[in-house]
Amino acid sequence: MPPPNPPQTWTRQVSGTTYTVSTDRSLIQLDALNAAFASDMLYWAKPLAPDVLQLCVEQSLCFGLYAHGEGQEGSPQPQEGGDGGGADSIATKQGAEKTPPPPMVGFARLVTDHTTFAYLTDVYVLPPHQGRGLGRWMMGCLDETLEKWQDLRRCLLLTRDAAAVRMYGATIGAREMRQASSSGGLFVLERVGRGGVSFTGGSTEEADEGGAN
């Protein structure tokens, strides 16, 4: 069953580069995603068979981060918060051909029923694009989506990075539920929705990009 909401796309300019975040699954580059899964950056993941990876993407709400490069002011760009519109909305037609799709440089995935519960995982921004606030921006787009779910009880995520704990607190309002151990353990975080009750408390601070298991 397809998600109940149409794809959404957000756009911003950073240092002459146009970036978009989109929930349009047709834009996701499976080869790039599997390459990230195979890297040390995603320590919790491993590459998946193409058909398994396709199923994983199809059954999740995915946020792809794309870099459109410099000097593309003349190219048609998606509108903030608008319909993703498929690949044609971010490609310039030249006769019967299309320009190559922009590279996918970041990703986040919600395993969810689109109503009451979500589990956030596979969050990353490729190293050449880190330090530009893109991870925080992508989480802001995700939080905007979750805010629309009137019956959301909670969104859960795991991380072993204390800086990521602060980042998720600052961007999506996630709070620490518990830590598995005093050193080297996993932080369990929850972002409570309108239909849920919080079991956590405390405050958070802004931090750099971090991953979610």
Protein backbone atom coordinates (compact mmCIF):
# COMPACT_ATOMS: atom_id res chain seq x y z
CA MET A 1 0.00 0.00 0.00
CA PRO A 2 1.46 3.41 -0.93
CA PRO A 3 2.00 6.05 1.76
CA PRO A 4 -1.11 8.14 2.53
CA ASN A 5 0.64 11.42 1.66
CA PRO A 6 2.18 12.56 -1.65
CA PRO A 7 5.96 13.01 -1.90
CA GLN A 8 7.36 16.19 -0.40
CA THR A 9 10.45 18.14 -1.49
CA TRP A 10 12.44 20.86 0.28
CA THR A 11 15.17 23.02 -1.31
CA ARG A 12 18.03 25.16 -0.02
CA GLN A 13 21.22 26.76 -1.32
CA VAL A 14 24.51 26.21 0.52
CA SER A 15 27.75 27.76 -0.77
CA GLY A 16 26.52 27.84 -4.38
CA THR A 17 25.18 24.29 -4.31
CA THR A 18 21.47 23.53 -4.53
CA TYR A 19 20.38 20.74 -2.21
CA THR A 20 17.00 19.05 -2.06
CA VAL A 21 15.47 16.69 0.43
CA SER A 22 12.72 14.55 -1.08
CA THR A 23 10.47 11.71 0.06
CA ASP A 24 9.95 10.60 -3.53
CA ARG A 25 11.10 6.97 -3.50
CA SER A 26 11.58 6.95 -7.28
CA LEU A 27 14.57 9.29 -6.85
CA ILE A 28 16.47 7.02 -4.44
CA GLN A 29 19.67 5.64 -5.95
CA LEU A 30 19.95 2.08 -4.66
CA ASP A 31 23.59 1.72 -5.69
CA ALA A 32 24.53 4.80 -3.67
CA LEU A 33 22.51 3.57 -0.70
CA ASN A 34 24.16 0.14 -0.79
CA ALA A 35 27.59 1.80 -1.03
CA ALA A 36 26.81 3.69 2.16
CA PHE A 37 25.64 0.48 3.81
CA ALA A 38 28.98 -1.12 2.86
CA SER A 39 31.04 1.72 4.36
CA ASP A 40 32.36 2.12 7.90
CA MET A 41 30.20 5.23 8.21
CA LEU A 42 27.10 3.07 8.74
CA TYR A 43 28.57 0.69 11.30
CA TRP A 44 25.17 -0.92 11.96
CA ALA A 45 24.41 -1.80 8.32
CA LYS A 46 25.63 -4.12 5.60
CA PRO A 47 24.90 -4.24 1.85
CA LEU A 48 21.66 -5.89 0.81
CA ALA A 49 20.71 -7.86 -2.27
CA PRO A 50 19.12 -5.52 -4.87
CA ASP A 51 15.63 -7.00 -4.52
CA VAL A 52 15.84 -6.89 -0.72
CA LEU A 53 17.07 -3.29 -0.76
CA GLN A 54 14.25 -2.33 -3.13
CA LEU A 55 11.72 -3.89 -0.75
CA CYS A 56 13.31 -2.10 2.19
CA VAL A 57 12.91 1.25 0.45
CA GLU A 58 9.39 0.56 -0.81
CA GLN A 59 8.14 -0.33 2.66
CA SER A 60 9.65 2.72 4.39
CA LEU A 61 9.23 6.49 4.32
CA CYS A 62 12.60 7.63 2.96
CA PHE A 63 14.21 11.07 2.92
CA GLY A 64 16.85 11.38 0.20
CA LEU A 65 19.32 14.27 0.18
CA TYR A 66 20.51 15.34 -3.29
CA ALA A 67 23.23 17.78 -4.39
CA HIS A 68 22.43 19.59 -7.63
CA GLY A 69 25.84 21.24 -7.96
CA GLU A 70 26.88 24.77 -8.73
CA GLY A 71 25.62 27.07 -11.44
CA GLN A 72 22.19 25.48 -11.82
CA GLU A 73 20.13 28.60 -11.26
CA GLY A 74 18.50 28.11 -14.65
CA SER A 75 17.37 24.57 -13.87
CA PRO A 76 13.82 23.99 -12.65
CA GLN A 77 13.83 23.40 -8.91
CA PRO A 78 11.22 21.78 -6.65
CA GLN A 79 9.22 24.16 -4.48
CA GLU A 80 9.61 24.18 -0.71
CA GLY A 81 7.20 21.69 0.83
CA GLY A 82 5.66 20.85 -2.54
CA ASP A 83 4.97 17.66 -4.44
CA GLY A 84 8.16 15.83 -5.40
CA GLY A 85 6.74 15.23 -8.87
CA GLY A 86 9.18 12.45 -9.86
CA ALA A 87 12.51 12.66 -11.67
CA ASP A 88 11.30 15.19 -14.26
CA SER A 89 10.92 17.83 -11.52
CA ILE A 90 14.69 17.89 -10.92
CA ALA A 91 16.00 17.18 -14.42
CA THR A 92 16.41 19.54 -17.35
CA LYS A 93 15.16 18.19 -20.68
CA GLN A 94 17.44 18.70 -23.66
CA GLY A 95 15.48 17.51 -26.65
CA ALA A 96 14.43 13.95 -25.90
CA GLU A 97 17.16 13.46 -23.26
CA LYS A 98 17.37 14.30 -19.58
CA THR A 99 20.38 15.44 -17.61
CA PRO A 100 21.78 12.85 -15.20
CA PRO A 101 20.03 12.84 -11.83
CA PRO A 102 21.80 14.70 -9.03
CA PRO A 103 23.85 12.45 -6.75
CA MET A 104 22.27 11.25 -3.52
CA VAL A 105 24.55 12.50 -0.74
CA GLY A 106 22.45 11.74 2.33
CA PHE A 107 19.58 9.61 3.52
CA ALA A 108 17.21 8.87 6.39
CA ARG A 109 14.56 6.18 6.69
CA LEU A 110 11.43 5.86 8.80
CA VAL A 111 10.05 2.36 9.34
CA THR A 112 6.46 3.32 10.06
CA ASP A 113 2.73 2.71 9.79
CA HIS A 114 2.37 6.40 8.77
CA THR A 115 -0.04 6.87 11.67
CA THR A 116 1.01 5.98 15.23
CA PHE A 117 4.64 4.78 15.24
CA ALA A 118 7.96 5.35 13.47
CA TYR A 119 11.48 4.02 13.89
CA LEU A 120 14.23 6.26 12.53
CA THR A 121 17.28 4.54 11.04
CA ASP A 122 20.00 4.71 8.37
CA VAL A 123 20.69 8.43 8.81
CA TYR A 124 23.82 9.75 7.09
CA VAL A 125 25.38 12.61 5.14
CA LEU A 126 28.41 11.79 3.00
CA PRO A 127 31.68 13.25 4.40
CA PRO A 128 32.29 15.79 1.57
CA HIS A 129 28.93 17.39 2.39
CA GLN A 130 29.18 17.37 6.18
CA GLY A 131 29.71 20.54 8.16
CA ARG A 132 27.05 22.43 6.18
CA GLY A 133 24.10 21.85 8.48
CA LEU A 134 22.54 19.39 6.03
CA GLY A 135 21.97 16.66 8.61
CA ARG A 136 20.13 19.07 10.89
CA TRP A 137 18.15 20.38 7.91
CA MET A 138 17.18 16.87 6.81
CA MET A 139 15.99 16.11 10.35
CA GLY A 140 14.01 19.35 10.32
CA CYS A 141 12.24 18.19 7.16
CA LEU A 142 11.53 14.85 8.83
CA ASP A 143 10.20 16.58 11.94
CA GLU A 144 7.90 18.73 9.79
CA THR A 145 6.48 15.52 8.35
CA LEU A 146 5.97 13.92 11.77
CA GLU A 147 4.20 17.04 13.03
CA LYS A 148 1.41 16.41 10.52
CA TRP A 149 0.63 12.97 11.98
CA GLN A 150 -2.14 13.73 14.45
CA ASP A 151 -2.11 10.26 16.02
CA LEU A 152 1.64 9.70 16.23
CA ARG A 153 2.51 8.17 19.60
CA ARG A 154 6.28 8.14 19.28
CA CYS A 155 9.27 7.93 16.99
CA LEU A 156 12.17 5.84 18.33
CA LEU A 157 15.82 5.72 17.33
CA LEU A 158 19.12 4.28 18.52
CA THR A 159 22.59 5.83 18.45
CA ARG A 160 25.90 5.26 20.19
CA ASP A 161 27.07 8.86 19.61
CA ALA A 162 26.50 11.38 22.42
CA ALA A 163 26.81 14.28 19.94
CA ALA A 164 24.04 12.68 17.87
CA VAL A 165 21.86 12.55 20.98
CA ARG A 166 22.15 16.34 21.26
CA MET A 167 21.54 16.82 17.52
CA TYR A 168 18.34 14.74 17.56
CA GLY A 169 17.15 16.62 20.60
CA ALA A 170 17.71 19.97 18.91
CA THR A 171 16.13 18.99 15.57
CA ILE A 172 13.28 16.55 16.22
CA GLY A 173 12.81 16.90 19.97
CA ALA A 174 14.02 13.36 20.74
CA ARG A 175 14.79 12.61 24.39
CA GLU A 176 16.98 9.94 25.90
CA MET A 177 15.04 7.01 27.37
CA ARG A 178 18.01 5.00 28.60
CA GLN A 179 21.63 4.12 27.82
CA ALA A 180 22.52 0.47 27.49
CA SER A 181 25.84 0.85 29.33
CA SER A 182 28.07 3.55 30.75
CA SER A 183 30.56 3.25 27.87
CA GLY A 184 30.17 2.04 24.33
CA GLY A 185 26.45 1.39 24.67
CA LEU A 186 23.44 2.52 22.68
CA PHE A 187 21.34 5.54 23.52
CA VAL A 188 17.61 4.88 23.10
CA LEU A 189 15.75 8.07 22.11
CA GLU A 190 12.09 8.87 21.65
CA ARG A 191 10.32 11.73 19.94
CA VAL A 192 6.79 11.87 21.35
CA GLY A 193 3.94 12.72 19.00
CA ARG A 194 0.57 14.29 19.62
CA GLY A 195 -1.00 10.93 20.37
CA GLY A 196 1.64 9.78 22.83
CA VAL A 197 2.77 10.22 26.43
CA SER A 198 6.40 11.04 27.22
CA PHE A 199 8.42 8.78 29.49
CA THR A 200 11.47 11.05 29.37
CA GLY A 201 12.54 14.50 30.44
CA GLY A 202 15.48 16.89 30.42
CA SER A 203 16.91 19.30 27.88
CA THR A 204 19.13 18.98 24.83
CA GLU A 205 21.69 21.09 22.99
CA GLU A 206 22.47 21.58 19.32
CA ALA A 207 25.29 19.46 17.83
CA ASP A 208 26.74 18.39 14.50
CA GLU A 209 25.35 15.67 12.23
CA GLY A 210 25.11 12.19 13.70
CA GLY A 211 23.92 8.77 12.62
CA ALA A 212 21.01 6.68 13.76
CA ASN A 213 21.25 2.90 13.82
